Amino acid sequence: MAKIQPHRRADGITLSLLRQITPLGYTVGVHRVGSSLMGTIGPSVEMYAVDVVGEKQPQIARCNDGDGADEAYRCACLLARSVGIDVEDG
């Protein structure tokens, strides 16, 4: 069964949105990437959806403007759209 990886999980509405992806046969992962050691690259959020059967190409979404809750939600919306879920704007 597809699942959300427990590593650096999302919460609230973001987690709810990611849970809509897993019944489509994907394993979903969330990675929050901190700033670079020199501070030249800011934090970001990256999410992926990998088809557990391997028939579909993995989907990746990334938001490079921070790693907070808002950025995580936007990233989850991008990922959901990439696997065919209609996400309302707003």
PDB file of N, CA and C in Angstrom:
ATOM      1  N   MET A   1       0.846  -1.183   0.000  1.00  0.00           N
ATOM      2  CA  MET A   1       0.000   0.000   0.000  1.00  0.00           C
ATOM      3  C   MET A   1       0.883   1.234   0.000  1.00  0.00           C
ATOM      4  N   ALA A   2       0.504   2.226  -0.759  1.00  0.00           N
ATOM      5  CA  ALA A   2       1.253   3.479  -0.806  1.00  0.00           C
ATOM      6  C   ALA A   2       1.148   4.187   0.530  1.00  0.00           C
ATOM      7  N   LYS A   3       2.161   4.965   0.845  1.00  0.00           N
ATOM      8  CA  LYS A   3       2.156   5.677   2.119  1.00  0.00           C
ATOM      9  C   LYS A   3       2.969   6.934   2.012  1.00  0.00           C
ATOM     10  N   ILE A   4       2.826   7.780   3.023  1.00  0.00           N
ATOM     11  CA  ILE A   4       3.633   8.982   3.140  1.00  0.00           C
ATOM     12  C   ILE A   4       4.825   8.637   4.008  1.00  0.00           C
ATOM     13  N   GLN A   5       6.016   8.905   3.518  1.00  0.00           N
ATOM     14  CA  GLN A   5       7.216   8.617   4.281  1.00  0.00           C
ATOM     15  C   GLN A   5       7.220   9.439   5.568  1.00  0.00           C
ATOM     16  N   PRO A   6       7.554   8.832   6.709  1.00  0.00           N
ATOM     17  CA  PRO A   6       7.523   9.554   7.971  1.00  0.00           C
ATOM     18  C   PRO A   6       8.629  10.591   8.117  1.00  0.00           C
ATOM     19  N   HIS A   7       9.645  10.533   7.268  1.00  0.00           N
ATOM     20  CA  HIS A   7      10.760  11.470   7.349  1.00  0.00           C
ATOM     21  C   HIS A   7      10.287  12.893   7.074  1.00  0.00           C
ATOM     22  N   ARG A   8      10.361  13.747   8.066  1.00  0.00           N
ATOM     23  CA  ARG A   8      10.010  15.169   7.941  1.00  0.00           C
ATOM     24  C   ARG A   8       8.612  15.350   7.352  1.00  0.00           C
ATOM     25  N   ARG A   9       7.656  14.750   7.965  1.00  0.00           N
ATOM     26  CA  ARG A   9       6.283  14.796   7.466  1.00  0.00           C
ATOM     27  C   ARG A   9       5.711  16.191   7.489  1.00  0.00           C
ATOM     28  N   ALA A  10       4.690  16.363   6.724  1.00  0.00           N
ATOM     29  CA  ALA A  10       3.927  17.603   6.706  1.00  0.00           C
ATOM     30  C   ALA A  10       2.802  17.477   7.720  1.00  0.00           C
ATOM     31  N   ASP A  11       2.087  18.565   7.955  1.00  0.00           N
ATOM     32  CA  ASP A  11       0.960  18.500   8.882  1.00  0.00           C
ATOM     33  C   ASP A  11      -0.206  19.335   8.359  1.00  0.00           C
ATOM     34  N   GLY A  12      -1.316  19.251   9.050  1.00  0.00           N
ATOM     35  CA  GLY A  12      -2.495  20.040   8.727  1.00  0.00           C
ATOM     36  C   GLY A  12      -3.028  19.787   7.332  1.00  0.00           C
ATOM     37  N   ILE A  13      -3.378  20.881   6.663  1.00  0.00           N
ATOM     38  CA  ILE A  13      -3.991  20.798   5.339  1.00  0.00           C
ATOM     39  C   ILE A  13      -3.007  20.237   4.306  1.00  0.00           C
ATOM     40  N   THR A  14      -1.721  20.482   4.513  1.00  0.00           N
ATOM     41  CA  THR A  14      -0.715  19.941   3.600  1.00  0.00           C
ATOM     42  C   THR A  14      -0.702  18.420   3.665  1.00  0.00           C
ATOM     43  N   LEU A  15      -0.724  17.878   4.858  1.00  0.00           N
ATOM     44  CA  LEU A  15      -0.759  16.422   5.025  1.00  0.00           C
ATOM     45  C   LEU A  15      -2.037  15.845   4.438  1.00  0.00           C
ATOM     46  N   SER A  16      -3.142  16.534   4.639  1.00  0.00           N
ATOM     47  CA  SER A  16      -4.417  16.084   4.082  1.00  0.00           C
ATOM     48  C   SER A  16      -4.349  16.009   2.557  1.00  0.00           C
ATOM     49  N   LEU A  17      -3.730  17.000   1.944  1.00  0.00           N
ATOM     50  CA  LEU A  17      -3.585  17.002   0.488  1.00  0.00           C
ATOM     51  C   LEU A  17      -2.674  15.868   0.023  1.00  0.00           C
ATOM     52  N   LEU A  18      -1.579  15.643   0.734  1.00  0.00           N
ATOM     53  CA  LEU A  18      -0.672  14.546   0.372  1.00  0.00           C
ATOM     54  C   LEU A  18      -1.355  13.190   0.521  1.00  0.00           C
ATOM     55  N   ARG A  19      -2.250  13.066   1.485  1.00  0.00           N
ATOM     56  CA  ARG A  19      -2.976  11.805   1.673  1.00  0.00           C
ATOM     57  C   ARG A  19      -3.941  11.513   0.532  1.00  0.00           C
ATOM     58  N   GLN A  20      -4.295  12.527  -0.241  1.00  0.00           N
ATOM     59  CA  GLN A  20      -5.145  12.302  -1.410  1.00  0.00           C
ATOM     60  C   GLN A  20      -4.351  11.706  -2.570  1.00  0.00           C
ATOM     61  N   ILE A  21      -3.030  11.832  -2.520  1.00  0.00           N
ATOM     62  CA  ILE A  21      -2.178  11.310  -3.586  1.00  0.00           C
ATOM     63  C   ILE A  21      -1.933   9.813  -3.409  1.00  0.00           C
ATOM     64  N   THR A  22      -1.815   9.359  -2.177  1.00  0.00           N
ATOM     65  CA  THR A  22      -1.448   7.955  -1.927  1.00  0.00           C
ATOM     66  C   THR A  22      -2.459   6.935  -2.455  1.00  0.00           C
ATOM     67  N   PRO A  23      -3.772   7.189  -2.424  1.00  0.00           N
ATOM     68  CA  PRO A  23      -4.697   6.191  -2.987  1.00  0.00           C
ATOM     69  C   PRO A  23      -4.540   5.995  -4.502  1.00  0.00           C
ATOM     70  N   LEU A  24      -3.850   6.919  -5.154  1.00  0.00           N
ATOM     71  CA  LEU A  24      -3.609   6.789  -6.592  1.00  0.00           C
ATOM     72  C   LEU A  24      -2.448   5.840  -6.881  1.00  0.00           C
ATOM     73  N   GLY A  25      -1.852   5.268  -5.814  1.00  0.00           N
ATOM     74  CA  GLY A  25      -0.782   4.295  -5.988  1.00  0.00           C
ATOM     75  C   GLY A  25       0.617   4.873  -5.847  1.00  0.00           C
ATOM     76  N   TYR A  26       0.732   5.996  -5.178  1.00  0.00           N
ATOM     77  CA  TYR A  26       2.029   6.645  -5.012  1.00  0.00           C
ATOM     78  C   TYR A  26       2.505   6.574  -3.565  1.00  0.00           C
ATOM     79  N   THR A  27       3.807   6.514  -3.386  1.00  0.00           N
ATOM     80  CA  THR A  27       4.438   6.768  -2.100  1.00  0.00           C
ATOM     81  C   THR A  27       4.910   8.209  -2.159  1.00  0.00           C
ATOM     82  N   VAL A  28       4.592   8.970  -1.131  1.00  0.00           N
ATOM     83  CA  VAL A  28       4.892  10.396  -1.121  1.00  0.00           C
ATOM     84  C   VAL A  28       5.976  10.678  -0.082  1.00  0.00           C
ATOM     85  N   GLY A  29       6.928  11.515  -0.441  1.00  0.00           N
ATOM     86  CA  GLY A  29       7.989  11.903   0.481  1.00  0.00           C
ATOM     87  C   GLY A  29       8.108  13.409   0.544  1.00  0.00           C
ATOM     88  N   VAL A  30       8.510  13.910   1.697  1.00  0.00           N
ATOM     89  CA  VAL A  30       8.679  15.348   1.928  1.00  0.00           C
ATOM     90  C   VAL A  30      10.083  15.582   2.454  1.00  0.00           C
ATOM     91  N   HIS A  31      10.770  16.528   1.853  1.00  0.00           N
ATOM     92  CA  HIS A  31      12.106  16.893   2.320  1.00  0.00           C
ATOM     93  C   HIS A  31      12.173  18.405   2.494  1.00  0.00           C
ATOM     94  N   ARG A  32      12.545  18.819   3.671  1.00  0.00           N
ATOM     95  CA  ARG A  32      12.784  20.239   3.924  1.00  0.00           C
ATOM     96  C   ARG A  32      14.293  20.429   3.925  1.00  0.00           C
ATOM     97  N   VAL A  33      14.743  21.287   3.039  1.00  0.00           N
ATOM     98  CA  VAL A  33      16.169  21.509   2.871  1.00  0.00           C
ATOM     99  C   VAL A  33      16.522  22.868   3.461  1.00  0.00           C
ATOM    100  N   GLY A  34      17.443  22.883   4.407  1.00  0.00           N
ATOM    101  CA  GLY A  34      17.843  24.133   5.040  1.00  0.00           C
ATOM    102  C   GLY A  34      18.737  24.971   4.143  1.00  0.00           C
ATOM    103  N   SER A  35      19.110  26.123   4.621  1.00  0.00           N
ATOM    104  CA  SER A  35      20.011  27.014   3.891  1.00  0.00           C
ATOM    105  C   SER A  35      21.376  26.360   3.726  1.00  0.00           C
ATOM    106  N   SER A  36      22.094  26.807   2.706  1.00  0.00           N
ATOM    107  CA  SER A  36      23.447  26.300   2.498  1.00  0.00           C
ATOM    108  C   SER A  36      24.352  26.779   3.630  1.00  0.00           C
ATOM    109  N   LEU A  37      25.477  26.132   3.811  1.00  0.00           N
ATOM    110  CA  LEU A  37      26.397  26.489   4.890  1.00  0.00           C
ATOM    111  C   LEU A  37      26.878  27.927   4.795  1.00  0.00           C
ATOM    112  N   MET A  38      27.055  28.416   3.598  1.00  0.00           N
ATOM    113  CA  MET A  38      27.515  29.789   3.399  1.00  0.00           C
ATOM    114  C   MET A  38      26.353  30.785   3.378  1.00  0.00           C
ATOM    115  N   GLY A  39      25.127  30.282   3.374  1.00  0.00           N
ATOM    116  CA  GLY A  39      23.958  31.152   3.356  1.00  0.00           C
ATOM    117  C   GLY A  39      23.636  31.724   1.988  1.00  0.00           C
ATOM    118  N   THR A  40      24.269  31.217   0.958  1.00  0.00           N
ATOM    119  CA  THR A  40      24.021  31.730  -0.384  1.00  0.00           C
ATOM    120  C   THR A  40      22.774  31.138  -1.023  1.00  0.00           C
ATOM    121  N   ILE A  41      22.341  29.993  -0.537  1.00  0.00           N
ATOM    122  CA  ILE A  41      21.113  29.357  -1.025  1.00  0.00           C
ATOM    123  C   ILE A  41      20.166  29.214   0.149  1.00  0.00           C
ATOM    124  N   GLY A  42      18.957  29.724  -0.016  1.00  0.00           N
ATOM    125  CA  GLY A  42      17.977  29.693   1.061  1.00  0.00           C
ATOM    126  C   GLY A  42      17.316  28.333   1.219  1.00  0.00           C
ATOM    127  N   PRO A  43      16.507  28.186   2.253  1.00  0.00           N
ATOM    128  CA  PRO A  43      15.816  26.919   2.500  1.00  0.00           C
ATOM    129  C   PRO A  43      14.761  26.644   1.432  1.00  0.00           C
ATOM    130  N   SER A  44      14.398  25.363   1.302  1.00  0.00           N
ATOM    131  CA  SER A  44      13.392  24.979   0.324  1.00  0.00           C
ATOM    132  C   SER A  44      12.653  23.729   0.788  1.00  0.00           C
ATOM    133  N   VAL A  45      11.583  23.424   0.089  1.00  0.00           N
ATOM    134  CA  VAL A  45      10.794  22.216   0.343  1.00  0.00           C
ATOM    135  C   VAL A  45      10.731  21.432  -0.959  1.00  0.00           C
ATOM    136  N   GLU A  46      10.947  20.124  -0.865  1.00  0.00           N
ATOM    137  CA  GLU A  46      10.840  19.263  -2.033  1.00  0.00           C
ATOM    138  C   GLU A  46       9.953  18.080  -1.673  1.00  0.00           C
ATOM    139  N   MET A  47       9.047  17.752  -2.558  1.00  0.00           N
ATOM    140  CA  MET A  47       8.153  16.612  -2.354  1.00  0.00           C
ATOM    141  C   MET A  47       8.189  15.750  -3.599  1.00  0.00           C
ATOM    142  N   TYR A  48       8.012  14.466  -3.385  1.00  0.00           N
ATOM    143  CA  TYR A  48       7.989  13.558  -4.527  1.00  0.00           C
ATOM    144  C   TYR A  48       6.871  12.544  -4.363  1.00  0.00           C
ATOM    145  N   ALA A  49       6.414  12.042  -5.497  1.00  0.00           N
ATOM    146  CA  ALA A  49       5.423  10.964  -5.546  1.00  0.00           C
ATOM    147  C   ALA A  49       5.971   9.902  -6.477  1.00  0.00           C
ATOM    148  N   VAL A  50       6.218   8.714  -5.930  1.00  0.00           N
ATOM    149  CA  VAL A  50       6.770   7.610  -6.700  1.00  0.00           C
ATOM    150  C   VAL A  50       5.698   6.535  -6.829  1.00  0.00           C
ATOM    151  N   ASP A  51       5.428   6.141  -8.051  1.00  0.00           N
ATOM    152  CA  ASP A  51       4.450   5.092  -8.337  1.00  0.00           C
ATOM    153  C   ASP A  51       4.980   3.774  -7.781  1.00  0.00           C
ATOM    154  N   VAL A  52       4.205   3.132  -6.895  1.00  0.00           N
ATOM    155  CA  VAL A  52       4.681   1.905  -6.255  1.00  0.00           C
ATOM    156  C   VAL A  52       4.781   0.734  -7.232  1.00  0.00           C
ATOM    157  N   VAL A  53       4.042   0.765  -8.301  1.00  0.00           N
ATOM    158  CA  VAL A  53       4.115  -0.288  -9.305  1.00  0.00           C
ATOM    159  C   VAL A  53       5.242   0.005 -10.292  1.00  0.00           C
ATOM    160  N   GLY A  54       5.584   1.248 -10.435  1.00  0.00           N
ATOM    161  CA  GLY A  54       6.668   1.622 -11.329  1.00  0.00           C
ATOM    162  C   GLY A  54       6.249   1.861 -12.759  1.00  0.00           C
ATOM    163  N   GLU A  55       4.949   1.930 -13.001  1.00  0.00           N
ATOM    164  CA  GLU A  55       4.458   2.147 -14.358  1.00  0.00           C
ATOM    165  C   GLU A  55       4.475   3.618 -14.754  1.00  0.00           C
ATOM    166  N   LYS A  56       4.371   4.490 -13.772  1.00  0.00           N
ATOM    167  CA  LYS A  56       4.329   5.923 -14.048  1.00  0.00           C
ATOM    168  C   LYS A  56       5.652   6.559 -13.626  1.00  0.00           C
ATOM    169  N   GLN A  57       5.972   7.654 -14.268  1.00  0.00           N
ATOM    170  CA  GLN A  57       7.202   8.371 -13.955  1.00  0.00           C
ATOM    171  C   GLN A  57       7.062   9.075 -12.601  1.00  0.00           C
ATOM    172  N   PRO A  58       8.108   9.073 -11.772  1.00  0.00           N
ATOM    173  CA  PRO A  58       8.047   9.789 -10.491  1.00  0.00           C
ATOM    174  C   PRO A  58       7.800  11.280 -10.723  1.00  0.00           C
ATOM    175  N   GLN A  59       7.061  11.882  -9.831  1.00  0.00           N
ATOM    176  CA  GLN A  59       6.761  13.304  -9.905  1.00  0.00           C
ATOM    177  C   GLN A  59       7.504  14.025  -8.778  1.00  0.00           C
ATOM    178  N   ILE A  60       8.048  15.190  -9.082  1.00  0.00           N
ATOM    179  CA  ILE A  60       8.776  15.973  -8.088  1.00  0.00           C
ATOM    180  C   ILE A  60       8.273  17.404  -8.134  1.00  0.00           C
ATOM    181  N   ALA A  61       8.073  17.988  -6.953  1.00  0.00           N
ATOM    182  CA  ALA A  61       7.699  19.397  -6.840  1.00  0.00           C
ATOM    183  C   ALA A  61       8.655  20.058  -5.864  1.00  0.00           C
ATOM    184  N   ARG A  62       9.013  21.293  -6.148  1.00  0.00           N
ATOM    185  CA  ARG A  62       9.971  21.995  -5.290  1.00  0.00           C
ATOM    186  C   ARG A  62       9.579  23.461  -5.181  1.00  0.00           C
ATOM    187  N   CYS A  63       9.661  23.992  -3.968  1.00  0.00           N
ATOM    188  CA  CYS A  63       9.461  25.411  -3.711  1.00  0.00           C
ATOM    189  C   CYS A  63      10.741  25.941  -3.085  1.00  0.00           C
ATOM    190  N   ASN A  64      11.393  26.855  -3.789  1.00  0.00           N
ATOM    191  CA  ASN A  64      12.696  27.339  -3.362  1.00  0.00           C
ATOM    192  C   ASN A  64      12.660  28.635  -2.567  1.00  0.00           C
ATOM    193  N   ASP A  65      11.494  29.071  -2.152  1.00  0.00           N
ATOM    194  CA  ASP A  65      11.421  30.353  -1.458  1.00  0.00           C
ATOM    195  C   ASP A  65      11.185  30.211   0.047  1.00  0.00           C
ATOM    196  N   GLY A  66      11.561  29.099   0.632  1.00  0.00           N
ATOM    197  CA  GLY A  66      11.439  28.885   2.075  1.00  0.00           C
ATOM    198  C   GLY A  66      11.022  27.465   2.379  1.00  0.00           C
ATOM    199  N   ASP A  67      11.004  27.128   3.683  1.00  0.00           N
ATOM    200  CA  ASP A  67      10.616  25.769   4.071  1.00  0.00           C
ATOM    201  C   ASP A  67       9.537  25.774   5.146  1.00  0.00           C
ATOM    202  N   GLY A  68       8.756  26.838   5.194  1.00  0.00           N
ATOM    203  CA  GLY A  68       7.683  26.946   6.176  1.00  0.00           C
ATOM    204  C   GLY A  68       6.400  26.271   5.727  1.00  0.00           C
ATOM    205  N   ALA A  69       5.357  26.446   6.498  1.00  0.00           N
ATOM    206  CA  ALA A  69       4.067  25.809   6.227  1.00  0.00           C
ATOM    207  C   ALA A  69       3.457  26.276   4.909  1.00  0.00           C
ATOM    208  N   ASP A  70       3.546  27.564   4.603  1.00  0.00           N
ATOM    209  CA  ASP A  70       2.976  28.072   3.350  1.00  0.00           C
ATOM    210  C   ASP A  70       3.677  27.482   2.138  1.00  0.00           C
ATOM    211  N   GLU A  71       4.998  27.426   2.205  1.00  0.00           N
ATOM    212  CA  GLU A  71       5.757  26.861   1.099  1.00  0.00           C
ATOM    213  C   GLU A  71       5.474  25.369   0.938  1.00  0.00           C
ATOM    214  N   ALA A  72       5.343  24.673   2.057  1.00  0.00           N
ATOM    215  CA  ALA A  72       5.027  23.243   2.009  1.00  0.00           C
ATOM    216  C   ALA A  72       3.659  23.018   1.367  1.00  0.00           C
ATOM    217  N   TYR A  73       2.690  23.852   1.693  1.00  0.00           N
ATOM    218  CA  TYR A  73       1.358  23.720   1.105  1.00  0.00           C
ATOM    219  C   TYR A  73       1.403  23.971  -0.402  1.00  0.00           C
ATOM    220  N   ARG A  74       2.109  25.028  -0.824  1.00  0.00           N
ATOM    221  CA  ARG A  74       2.222  25.311  -2.255  1.00  0.00           C
ATOM    222  C   ARG A  74       2.899  24.160  -2.988  1.00  0.00           C
ATOM    223  N   CYS A  75       3.912  23.598  -2.373  1.00  0.00           N
ATOM    224  CA  CYS A  75       4.623  22.468  -2.964  1.00  0.00           C
ATOM    225  C   CYS A  75       3.686  21.258  -3.091  1.00  0.00           C
ATOM    226  N   ALA A  76       2.888  20.997  -2.060  1.00  0.00           N
ATOM    227  CA  ALA A  76       1.926  19.890  -2.098  1.00  0.00           C
ATOM    228  C   ALA A  76       0.888  20.110  -3.196  1.00  0.00           C
ATOM    229  N   CYS A  77       0.471  21.351  -3.396  1.00  0.00           N
ATOM    230  CA  CYS A  77      -0.482  21.657  -4.475  1.00  0.00           C
ATOM    231  C   CYS A  77       0.132  21.351  -5.839  1.00  0.00           C
ATOM    232  N   LEU A  78       1.394  21.735  -6.018  1.00  0.00           N
ATOM    233  CA  LEU A  78       2.088  21.441  -7.276  1.00  0.00           C
ATOM    234  C   LEU A  78       2.187  19.941  -7.509  1.00  0.00           C
ATOM    235  N   LEU A  79       2.524  19.210  -6.461  1.00  0.00           N
ATOM    236  CA  LEU A  79       2.655  17.757  -6.580  1.00  0.00           C
ATOM    237  C   LEU A  79       1.304  17.118  -6.897  1.00  0.00           C
ATOM    238  N   ALA A  80       0.261  17.575  -6.216  1.00  0.00           N
ATOM    239  CA  ALA A  80      -1.079  17.031  -6.458  1.00  0.00           C
ATOM    240  C   ALA A  80      -1.507  17.268  -7.906  1.00  0.00           C
ATOM    241  N   ARG A  81      -1.260  18.456  -8.420  1.00  0.00           N
ATOM    242  CA  ARG A  81      -1.602  18.747  -9.808  1.00  0.00           C
ATOM    243  C   ARG A  81      -0.832  17.845 -10.768  1.00  0.00           C
ATOM    244  N   SER A  82       0.423  17.566 -10.441  1.00  0.00           N
ATOM    245  CA  SER A  82       1.255  16.767 -11.346  1.00  0.00           C
ATOM    246  C   SER A  82       0.789  15.313 -11.444  1.00  0.00           C
ATOM    247  N   VAL A  83       0.033  14.833 -10.451  1.00  0.00           N
ATOM    248  CA  VAL A  83      -0.483  13.451 -10.505  1.00  0.00           C
ATOM    249  C   VAL A  83      -1.955  13.415 -10.904  1.00  0.00           C
ATOM    250  N   GLY A  84      -2.507  14.591 -11.267  1.00  0.00           N
ATOM    251  CA  GLY A  84      -3.864  14.625 -11.798  1.00  0.00           C
ATOM    252  C   GLY A  84      -4.964  15.018 -10.841  1.00  0.00           C
ATOM    253  N   ILE A  85      -4.620  15.520  -9.663  1.00  0.00           N
ATOM    254  CA  ILE A  85      -5.635  15.974  -8.709  1.00  0.00           C
ATOM    255  C   ILE A  85      -5.926  17.440  -8.987  1.00  0.00           C
ATOM    256  N   ASP A  86      -7.192  17.776  -9.132  1.00  0.00           N
ATOM    257  CA  ASP A  86      -7.607  19.159  -9.383  1.00  0.00           C
ATOM    258  C   ASP A  86      -7.627  19.900  -8.042  1.00  0.00           C
ATOM    259  N   VAL A  87      -6.697  20.829  -7.873  1.00  0.00           N
ATOM    260  CA  VAL A  87      -6.600  21.607  -6.646  1.00  0.00           C
ATOM    261  C   VAL A  87      -7.116  23.006  -6.921  1.00  0.00           C
ATOM    262  N   GLU A  88      -8.097  23.453  -6.136  1.00  0.00           N
ATOM    263  CA  GLU A  88      -8.647  24.797  -6.319  1.00  0.00           C
ATOM    264  C   GLU A  88      -7.651  25.837  -5.828  1.00  0.00           C
ATOM    265  N   ASP A  89      -7.538  26.922  -6.563  1.00  0.00           N
ATOM    266  CA  ASP A  89      -6.697  28.036  -6.120  1.00  0.00           C
ATOM    267  C   ASP A  89      -7.436  28.803  -5.046  1.00  0.00           C
ATOM    268  N   GLY A  90      -6.672  29.364  -4.128  1.00  0.00           N
ATOM    269  CA  GLY A  90      -7.306  30.184  -3.112  1.00  0.00           C
ATOM    270  C   GLY A  90      -6.966  29.685  -1.804  1.00  0.00           C
TER     271      GLY A  90
END
